[in-house]
N, C-alpha and C. Protein backbone atom coordinates (compact mmCIF):
# COMPACT_ATOMS: atom_id res chain seq x y z
N UNK A 1 9.39 -12.98 -9.88
CA UNK A 1 11.18 -12.95 -9.43
C UNK A 1 11.11 -11.66 -8.27
N UNK A 2 11.82 -11.56 -7.25
CA UNK A 2 11.84 -11.06 -5.98
C UNK A 2 12.86 -10.42 -5.63
N UNK A 3 12.82 -9.76 -4.98
CA UNK A 3 13.25 -8.40 -4.30
C UNK A 3 14.26 -9.15 -2.86
N UNK A 4 15.34 -9.39 -2.87
CA UNK A 4 15.70 -9.70 -1.66
C UNK A 4 16.55 -8.78 -0.77
N UNK A 5 16.56 -8.13 0.44
CA UNK A 5 17.32 -7.41 1.55
C UNK A 5 18.19 -8.16 2.20
N UNK A 6 19.51 -7.98 2.49
CA UNK A 6 19.61 -8.88 3.62
C UNK A 6 20.50 -6.90 4.25
N UNK A 7 19.69 -7.41 5.59
CA UNK A 7 20.18 -6.75 6.23
C UNK A 7 20.85 -6.54 8.16
N UNK A 8 22.06 -6.29 8.27
CA UNK A 8 22.49 -6.21 9.37
C UNK A 8 22.55 -6.28 10.33
N UNK A 9 21.03 -6.77 10.67
CA UNK A 9 20.30 -5.84 12.27
C UNK A 9 19.66 -7.49 12.54
N UNK A 10 19.07 -7.62 13.71
CA UNK A 10 18.81 -8.29 14.78
C UNK A 10 16.71 -8.02 14.46
N UNK A 11 16.30 -8.67 14.71
CA UNK A 11 14.85 -8.99 15.04
C UNK A 11 14.81 -8.71 16.10
N UNK A 12 14.46 -7.97 17.34
CA UNK A 12 14.21 -7.82 18.29
C UNK A 12 12.62 -8.12 18.60
N UNK A 13 12.32 -9.06 19.59
CA UNK A 13 11.44 -9.63 20.49
C UNK A 13 10.93 -8.52 20.55
N UNK A 14 9.23 -8.03 20.26
CA UNK A 14 8.88 -6.98 20.92
C UNK A 14 8.88 -7.18 22.35
N UNK A 15 8.97 -7.44 23.18
CA UNK A 15 8.99 -7.27 24.98
C UNK A 15 9.88 -6.32 25.03
N UNK A 16 10.83 -6.37 24.24
CA UNK A 16 11.96 -5.39 24.15
C UNK A 16 11.76 -3.53 24.22
N UNK A 17 10.43 -3.84 23.32
CA UNK A 17 9.67 -2.11 23.29
C UNK A 17 8.64 -1.93 23.08
N UNK A 18 8.00 -2.73 23.28
CA UNK A 18 6.57 -2.77 23.45
C UNK A 18 6.34 -2.09 24.83
N UNK A 19 5.41 -1.19 24.73
CA UNK A 19 5.17 -1.02 26.40
C UNK A 19 5.92 0.34 26.53
N UNK A 20 6.91 0.53 25.88
CA UNK A 20 8.33 2.09 26.50
C UNK A 20 7.29 3.14 25.61
N UNK A 21 7.57 4.17 25.98
CA UNK A 21 7.35 5.95 24.94
C UNK A 21 7.24 5.78 23.72
N UNK A 22 7.01 6.20 22.65
CA UNK A 22 6.18 6.43 21.99
C UNK A 22 7.38 7.00 20.76
N UNK A 23 8.72 7.88 21.39
CA UNK A 23 9.89 7.89 21.12
C UNK A 23 10.74 7.03 20.47
N UNK A 24 10.79 5.89 21.51
CA UNK A 24 11.63 4.80 21.20
C UNK A 24 11.19 4.38 20.57
N UNK A 25 10.14 3.40 20.31
CA UNK A 25 9.29 3.02 19.16
C UNK A 25 9.25 3.61 17.63
N UNK A 26 9.40 5.14 18.08
CA UNK A 26 9.93 5.46 16.45
C UNK A 26 11.42 5.58 16.17
N UNK A 27 12.35 5.36 17.25
CA UNK A 27 13.39 5.61 17.07
C UNK A 27 13.71 4.10 16.34
N UNK A 28 12.83 3.17 16.96
CA UNK A 28 13.50 1.80 16.47
C UNK A 28 12.83 1.36 15.17
N UNK A 29 11.77 2.36 14.80
CA UNK A 29 11.24 2.31 13.25
C UNK A 29 12.43 2.58 12.72
N UNK A 30 12.57 3.85 12.73
CA UNK A 30 13.44 4.68 11.77
C UNK A 30 14.61 4.45 11.85
N UNK A 31 15.80 3.52 12.48
CA UNK A 31 16.41 3.20 12.40
C UNK A 31 16.39 1.46 11.23
N UNK A 32 15.13 0.84 11.67
CA UNK A 32 14.94 0.20 10.42
C UNK A 32 14.90 0.43 8.50
N UNK A 33 14.02 1.81 8.91
CA UNK A 33 14.22 2.79 7.59
C UNK A 33 15.60 2.91 7.36
N UNK A 34 15.96 3.33 7.68
CA UNK A 34 18.02 3.84 7.64
C UNK A 34 18.73 2.36 7.11
N UNK A 35 18.40 1.13 7.72
CA UNK A 35 19.07 -0.06 7.25
C UNK A 35 17.77 -0.72 5.86
N UNK A 36 17.25 -0.40 5.69
CA UNK A 36 16.66 -0.82 4.60
C UNK A 36 17.14 0.56 3.61
N UNK A 37 17.32 1.68 3.42
CA UNK A 37 17.76 2.25 2.65
C UNK A 37 18.63 1.72 2.49
N UNK A 38 19.73 2.00 3.35
CA UNK A 38 21.13 1.32 2.85
C UNK A 38 21.05 0.35 1.68
N UNK A 39 20.65 -1.01 2.21
CA UNK A 39 20.63 -1.85 1.80
C UNK A 39 20.00 -1.71 -0.01
N UNK A 40 19.59 -1.08 -0.39
CA UNK A 40 18.88 -0.60 -1.46
C UNK A 40 19.93 -0.07 -2.87
N UNK A 41 21.26 0.57 -1.89
CA UNK A 41 21.97 1.35 -2.46
C UNK A 41 23.01 0.02 -3.06
N UNK A 42 23.55 -0.55 -2.11
CA UNK A 42 24.48 -2.40 -2.72
C UNK A 42 23.51 -2.64 -3.41
N UNK A 43 23.99 -2.86 -4.45
CA UNK A 43 23.30 -3.35 -5.67
C UNK A 43 23.53 -5.20 -5.39
N UNK A 44 24.87 -5.29 -5.21
CA UNK A 44 24.94 -6.91 -4.65
C UNK A 44 23.93 -7.40 -3.61
N UNK A 45 23.26 -6.97 -2.90
CA UNK A 45 22.44 -7.71 -2.07
C UNK A 45 20.83 -8.18 -2.54
N UNK A 46 20.52 -7.36 -3.60
CA UNK A 46 19.83 -7.63 -3.63
C UNK A 46 19.14 -8.33 -5.53
N UNK A 47 18.32 -8.37 -5.49
CA UNK A 47 17.91 -8.14 -7.41
C UNK A 47 16.62 -7.57 -7.42
N UNK A 48 16.49 -6.87 -8.68
CA UNK A 48 15.40 -6.10 -8.83
C UNK A 48 13.79 -6.84 -8.90
N UNK A 49 12.93 -6.27 -8.23
CA UNK A 49 11.57 -7.21 -8.50
C UNK A 49 11.09 -6.53 -9.68
N UNK A 50 10.33 -7.66 -10.43
CA UNK A 50 9.16 -6.44 -11.31
C UNK A 50 7.57 -6.54 -10.70
N UNK A 51 7.80 -5.28 -9.76
CA UNK A 51 6.68 -4.23 -9.37
C UNK A 51 5.92 -3.65 -10.17
N UNK A 52 4.73 -3.54 -10.41
CA UNK A 52 4.08 -2.36 -10.95
C UNK A 52 3.79 -1.43 -9.37
N UNK A 53 4.11 0.05 -9.62
CA UNK A 53 3.36 0.81 -8.81
C UNK A 53 2.78 1.85 -9.35
N UNK A 54 2.04 2.49 -8.13
CA UNK A 54 0.96 3.34 -8.50
C UNK A 54 1.11 5.09 -8.61
N UNK A 55 0.61 6.04 -8.88
CA UNK A 55 1.20 7.07 -8.98
C UNK A 55 1.91 8.04 -7.79
N UNK A 56 2.05 7.33 -6.65
CA UNK A 56 2.47 7.92 -5.58
C UNK A 56 3.57 6.98 -5.51
N UNK A 57 4.23 6.44 -6.72
CA UNK A 57 5.15 5.36 -5.98
C UNK A 57 5.27 4.22 -5.23
N UNK A 58 4.49 4.10 -4.91
CA UNK A 58 4.28 2.75 -3.87
C UNK A 58 3.86 1.47 -4.81
N UNK A 59 4.15 0.52 -4.30
CA UNK A 59 3.50 -0.83 -4.79
C UNK A 59 2.15 -0.91 -4.85
N UNK A 60 1.92 -1.38 -6.27
CA UNK A 60 0.44 -1.34 -6.36
C UNK A 60 -0.79 -2.54 -6.60
N UNK A 61 -0.23 -3.22 -5.53
CA UNK A 61 -0.32 -4.64 -5.68
C UNK A 61 0.11 -5.85 -4.46
N UNK A 62 -0.89 -6.64 -3.69
CA UNK A 62 -0.69 -7.64 -3.37
C UNK A 62 0.88 -8.16 -3.33
N UNK A 63 1.80 -8.23 -2.05
CA UNK A 63 3.04 -9.00 -1.97
C UNK A 63 2.88 -9.75 -0.88
N UNK A 64 4.49 -10.55 -0.59
CA UNK A 64 4.55 -11.66 0.02
C UNK A 64 5.81 -11.17 0.81
N UNK A 65 5.94 -10.87 1.75
CA UNK A 65 7.21 -10.76 2.67
C UNK A 65 7.07 -11.81 3.90
N UNK A 66 8.39 -12.01 3.41
CA UNK A 66 8.81 -13.34 4.33
C UNK A 66 10.50 -13.49 4.53
N UNK A 67 10.16 -13.27 6.06
CA UNK A 67 11.05 -12.39 7.25
C UNK A 67 12.48 -13.64 7.82
N UNK A 68 13.21 -13.79 7.35
CA UNK A 68 14.58 -14.82 7.70
C UNK A 68 14.97 -14.45 9.00
N UNK A 69 15.40 -14.47 9.74
CA UNK A 69 15.96 -14.29 10.66
C UNK A 69 17.20 -14.74 12.12
N UNK A 70 18.46 -14.24 11.34
CA UNK A 70 19.35 -15.18 11.89
C UNK A 70 20.42 -14.59 13.18
N UNK A 71 20.57 -15.29 13.92
CA UNK A 71 21.67 -15.31 15.16
C UNK A 71 22.59 -15.48 15.14
N UNK A 72 23.40 -15.30 16.39
CA UNK A 72 24.73 -16.07 16.52
C UNK A 72 24.43 -17.30 17.09
N UNK A 73 23.32 -17.79 18.03
CA UNK A 73 22.93 -18.55 18.62
C UNK A 73 21.86 -19.56 18.97
N UNK A 74 20.94 -20.28 19.13
CA UNK A 74 19.91 -20.40 19.29
C UNK A 74 19.48 -20.23 20.55
N UNK A 75 20.30 -19.52 22.11
CA UNK A 75 19.77 -18.87 22.62
C UNK A 75 19.77 -17.82 22.45
N UNK A 76 19.47 -16.93 21.27
CA UNK A 76 18.88 -15.78 20.58
C UNK A 76 17.48 -15.70 19.85
N UNK A 77 17.19 -17.31 19.80
CA UNK A 77 15.83 -17.78 19.29
C UNK A 77 14.91 -16.57 20.04
N UNK A 78 13.50 -16.34 19.31
CA UNK A 78 12.27 -16.10 19.72
C UNK A 78 11.47 -17.24 20.16
N UNK A 79 11.74 -17.50 21.33
CA UNK A 79 10.45 -18.73 21.59
C UNK A 79 8.82 -18.80 21.07
N UNK A 80 8.34 -17.50 21.54
CA UNK A 80 6.63 -17.20 21.36
C UNK A 80 6.90 -17.16 20.33
N UNK A 81 6.18 -17.72 19.38
CA UNK A 81 5.22 -17.44 17.96
C UNK A 81 4.52 -15.97 17.75
N UNK A 82 4.17 -15.71 18.66
CA UNK A 82 3.09 -14.66 18.52
C UNK A 82 4.32 -13.66 18.95
N UNK A 83 5.21 -13.27 19.77
CA UNK A 83 6.15 -12.60 19.56
C UNK A 83 7.15 -12.20 18.46
N UNK A 84 7.36 -13.60 17.33
CA UNK A 84 8.17 -13.34 16.77
C UNK A 84 7.25 -12.86 15.89
N UNK A 85 5.96 -13.48 15.16
CA UNK A 85 5.07 -12.43 14.21
C UNK A 85 5.31 -11.33 14.15
N UNK A 86 5.00 -10.25 15.80
CA UNK A 86 5.13 -9.25 16.44
C UNK A 86 6.43 -8.34 15.72
N UNK A 87 7.38 -9.35 16.44
CA UNK A 87 9.10 -8.74 15.72
C UNK A 87 9.36 -7.89 14.37
N UNK A 88 8.52 -8.43 13.59
CA UNK A 88 8.77 -7.55 11.91
C UNK A 88 8.23 -6.06 12.18
N UNK A 89 7.10 -5.90 12.89
CA UNK A 89 5.95 -4.54 12.91
C UNK A 89 6.93 -3.21 12.36
N UNK A 90 8.03 -2.86 13.40
CA UNK A 90 9.30 -1.98 12.81
C UNK A 90 9.84 -2.31 10.93
N UNK A 91 9.77 -3.24 10.79
CA UNK A 91 10.46 -3.73 9.97
C UNK A 91 9.40 -3.63 8.51
N UNK A 92 8.14 -3.58 8.91
CA UNK A 92 7.25 -3.64 7.64
C UNK A 92 6.86 -2.25 7.54
N UNK A 93 6.78 -1.51 9.11
CA UNK A 93 6.50 0.05 8.88
C UNK A 93 7.39 0.60 7.66
N UNK A 94 8.73 0.44 7.97
CA UNK A 94 9.98 1.02 7.55
C UNK A 94 9.59 0.07 5.81
N UNK A 95 9.68 -0.23 5.61
CA UNK A 95 9.21 -1.40 4.02
C UNK A 95 8.49 -0.52 3.63
N UNK A 96 7.06 -0.18 4.06
CA UNK A 96 5.31 0.63 3.74
C UNK A 96 6.18 2.54 3.53
N UNK A 97 6.72 2.86 4.67
CA UNK A 97 7.71 4.00 4.17
C UNK A 97 8.34 4.00 2.96
N UNK A 98 9.13 3.34 2.92
CA UNK A 98 9.98 3.13 1.26
C UNK A 98 9.70 2.59 0.11
N UNK A 99 8.24 2.56 0.15
CA UNK A 99 7.34 2.27 -0.62
C UNK A 99 6.96 0.86 -1.29
N UNK A 100 8.23 0.25 -0.50
CA UNK A 100 7.82 -1.56 -0.70
C UNK A 100 6.41 -2.41 -0.78
N UNK A 101 5.92 -1.77 0.48
CA UNK A 101 4.66 -2.26 0.16
C UNK A 101 3.76 -1.49 0.45
N UNK A 102 2.38 -1.79 0.07
CA UNK A 102 1.33 -0.74 0.08
C UNK A 102 1.28 -0.32 1.88
N UNK A 103 0.69 -0.81 2.33
CA UNK A 103 0.23 -1.01 3.53
C UNK A 103 0.41 -2.56 4.30
N UNK A 104 0.52 -2.57 5.24
CA UNK A 104 0.76 -3.80 6.05
C UNK A 104 -0.68 -4.52 6.32
N UNK A 105 -1.65 -3.93 6.09
CA UNK A 105 -3.06 -5.14 6.35
C UNK A 105 -2.71 -6.30 5.63
N UNK A 106 -3.99 -7.09 5.98
CA UNK A 106 -3.67 -8.65 5.18
C UNK A 106 -4.49 -8.26 3.46
N UNK A 107 -5.23 -7.01 3.37
CA UNK A 107 -5.71 -6.61 2.13
C UNK A 107 -4.30 -6.64 1.20
N UNK A 108 -3.46 -5.64 1.47
CA UNK A 108 -2.00 -5.67 0.62
C UNK A 108 -1.25 -6.63 0.65
N UNK A 109 -0.81 -7.15 2.60
CA UNK A 109 0.72 -8.01 2.56
C UNK A 109 -0.21 -9.59 2.83
N UNK A 110 0.48 -10.46 2.62
CA UNK A 110 0.91 -11.48 3.06
C UNK A 110 1.87 -11.80 3.79
N UNK A 111 1.96 -12.39 5.04
CA UNK A 111 3.46 -12.33 5.28
C UNK A 111 3.49 -13.72 6.17
N UNK A 112 4.03 -15.00 6.19
CA UNK A 112 4.37 -15.83 6.79
C UNK A 112 4.93 -15.90 8.06
N UNK A 113 4.66 -16.66 8.99
CA UNK A 113 5.36 -16.58 10.34
C UNK A 113 6.97 -16.49 10.07
N UNK A 114 7.60 -15.56 10.39
CA UNK A 114 9.49 -15.27 10.16
C UNK A 114 9.93 -16.95 10.32
N UNK A 115 10.82 -17.29 9.81
CA UNK A 115 11.68 -18.05 10.39
C UNK A 115 12.93 -17.86 10.98
N UNK A 116 13.82 -18.58 11.92
CA UNK A 116 15.11 -18.40 12.81
C UNK A 116 16.13 -19.62 12.53
N UNK A 117 17.22 -19.17 11.97
CA UNK A 117 18.65 -19.67 11.76
C UNK A 117 19.75 -19.33 12.54
N UNK A 118 20.88 -19.99 13.18
CA UNK A 118 21.80 -19.50 13.41
C UNK A 118 22.56 -19.07 12.23
N UNK A 119 23.15 -18.17 12.46
CA UNK A 119 24.08 -17.38 11.36
C UNK A 119 25.48 -18.41 10.81
N UNK A 120 25.87 -18.77 10.28
CA UNK A 120 27.22 -19.20 9.80
C UNK A 120 28.27 -18.28 10.16
N UNK A 121 28.19 -16.71 9.91
CA UNK A 121 29.59 -15.80 10.71
C UNK A 121 29.39 -15.89 11.99
N UNK A 122 28.26 -15.74 12.45
CA UNK A 122 28.07 -15.60 13.95
C UNK A 122 27.85 -13.79 14.07
N UNK A 123 26.54 -13.58 13.11
CA UNK A 123 26.23 -12.06 13.37
C UNK A 123 25.12 -12.29 13.21
N UNK A 124 24.37 -11.40 13.41
CA UNK A 124 23.10 -11.12 13.40
C UNK A 124 22.74 -10.13 11.93
N UNK A 125 21.92 -10.96 11.22
CA UNK A 125 21.08 -10.99 10.22
C UNK A 125 19.58 -10.97 10.30
N UNK A 126 18.61 -9.98 8.89
CA UNK A 126 17.74 -10.29 8.75
C UNK A 126 17.12 -10.24 7.33
N UNK A 127 17.20 -11.27 6.86
CA UNK A 127 16.86 -11.46 5.34
C UNK A 127 15.09 -11.35 4.44
N UNK A 128 14.99 -10.49 4.23
CA UNK A 128 13.59 -10.23 3.71
C UNK A 128 13.53 -9.85 2.17
N UNK A 129 12.23 -11.23 1.87
CA UNK A 129 12.11 -11.35 0.75
C UNK A 129 10.75 -10.60 0.36
N UNK A 130 10.75 -10.22 -0.76
CA UNK A 130 9.66 -9.35 -0.82
C UNK A 130 8.84 -9.83 -2.41
N UNK A 131 7.76 -10.46 -3.10
CA UNK A 131 7.25 -10.94 -3.86
C UNK A 131 5.73 -10.66 -4.15
N UNK A 132 5.67 -10.23 -5.41
CA UNK A 132 4.92 -9.70 -5.84
C UNK A 132 3.65 -11.28 -6.19
N UNK A 133 2.17 -11.12 -5.84
CA UNK A 133 1.04 -11.77 -5.89
C UNK A 133 0.44 -11.38 -6.16
N UNK A 134 -0.61 -12.24 -6.46
CA UNK A 134 -2.30 -11.72 -7.16
C UNK A 134 -2.19 -10.62 -8.09
N UNK A 135 -3.82 -10.12 -8.37
CA UNK A 135 -3.40 -9.47 -9.83
C UNK A 135 -2.78 -8.45 -9.58
N UNK A 136 -2.41 -8.10 -10.70
CA UNK A 136 -1.55 -6.79 -10.97
C UNK A 136 0.05 -6.51 -11.09
N UNK A 137 0.17 -8.04 -10.02
CA UNK A 137 1.66 -8.16 -10.91
C UNK A 137 2.52 -8.57 -11.78
N UNK A 138 3.16 -8.23 -12.29
CA UNK A 138 3.25 -8.78 -13.13
C UNK A 138 4.85 -9.84 -13.46
N UNK A 139 4.54 -11.00 -14.03
CA UNK A 139 5.52 -12.46 -13.97
C UNK A 139 6.47 -11.66 -14.95
């Protein structure tokens, strides 16, 4: 079973925030954390995962984080795959601080390149799926 978060926010290209003052990056990361926290409260937007937690309340095993980026038009797609992969950094930091992932290193996290779609409602969405993988994950 996987955890699915549907966040009403667009993943931005890192070109919009990389190289900016650390406070700007921190604010963006905090905004993502607020979005993740608010999605937790809406029980209709996700399924409860079957994850194991350590004594600190963090996920205690590897997880796969799949990200889907929905935008109003193909003109809003991030064309560079490197930028698309790096766009998830503030989101991954927020997931770590909220305890959904132990760390964003390869040891604890598998995350394929995000996919992009045109949204049917003309709005920006980010859909995050978190699945337990490997040893320690309960099925």
